Amino acid sequence: MKIVILILAIFLAVGATIKKSASDIKEVSARLELNEYKSHPNLLPVVEVVAPKA
């Protein structure tokens, strides 16, 4: 029984670590993309405003 609990705890720890790593990678990629825009200002996305005429 102790082995089952130990294996379950290991799986939960690995799962939590993978989830944290995934969120960290997502945050870092967003930060890198923003830094890319700062170094190349002409790469900013074009925003087209579409609104109904009133």
Protein backbone atom coordinates (compact mmCIF):
# COMPACT_ATOMS: atom_id res chain seq x y z
CA MET A 1 0.00 0.00 0.00
CA LYS A 2 2.85 2.37 0.76
CA ILE A 3 4.32 1.75 -2.69
CA VAL A 4 1.04 2.66 -4.37
CA ILE A 5 0.83 5.91 -2.41
CA LEU A 6 4.48 6.66 -3.22
CA ILE A 7 3.93 6.05 -6.94
CA LEU A 8 0.81 8.23 -6.88
CA ALA A 9 2.72 11.02 -5.14
CA ILE A 10 5.52 10.77 -7.73
CA PHE A 11 3.01 10.98 -10.60
CA LEU A 12 1.32 14.00 -9.03
CA ALA A 13 4.68 15.72 -8.50
CA VAL A 14 5.75 15.07 -12.09
CA GLY A 15 2.40 16.32 -13.38
CA ALA A 16 2.63 19.51 -11.34
CA THR A 17 6.19 20.09 -12.55
CA ILE A 18 5.19 19.63 -16.19
CA LYS A 19 2.22 21.98 -15.77
CA LYS A 20 4.44 24.65 -14.17
CA SER A 21 7.05 24.26 -16.90
CA ALA A 22 4.41 24.64 -19.61
CA SER A 23 3.08 27.86 -18.08
CA ASP A 24 6.63 29.19 -17.66
CA ILE A 25 7.43 28.44 -21.30
CA LYS A 26 4.24 30.20 -22.42
CA GLU A 27 5.14 33.27 -20.33
CA VAL A 28 8.72 33.37 -21.63
CA SER A 29 7.59 33.05 -25.25
CA ALA A 30 5.17 35.95 -24.80
CA ARG A 31 7.93 38.04 -23.24
CA LEU A 32 10.31 37.19 -26.10
CA GLU A 33 7.69 38.16 -28.66
CA LEU A 34 7.20 41.54 -26.97
CA ASN A 35 10.97 42.09 -26.94
CA GLU A 36 11.05 41.26 -30.65
CA TYR A 37 8.47 43.98 -31.28
CA LYS A 38 10.52 46.47 -29.25
CA SER A 39 13.66 45.83 -31.29
CA HIS A 40 11.77 45.94 -34.61
CA PRO A 41 9.00 48.53 -34.31
CA ASN A 42 7.90 48.04 -37.92
CA LEU A 43 6.76 44.49 -37.04
CA LEU A 44 3.88 45.72 -34.91
CA PRO A 45 0.61 44.18 -36.04
CA VAL A 46 -1.72 46.29 -38.15
CA VAL A 47 -4.99 46.99 -36.39
CA GLU A 48 -7.97 47.52 -38.59
CA VAL A 49 -10.88 49.21 -36.83
CA VAL A 50 -14.21 48.01 -38.12
CA ALA A 51 -17.31 49.58 -36.65
CA PRO A 52 -20.84 50.01 -37.91
CA LYS A 53 -21.70 53.48 -39.17
CA ALA A 54 -24.01 55.25 -36.78
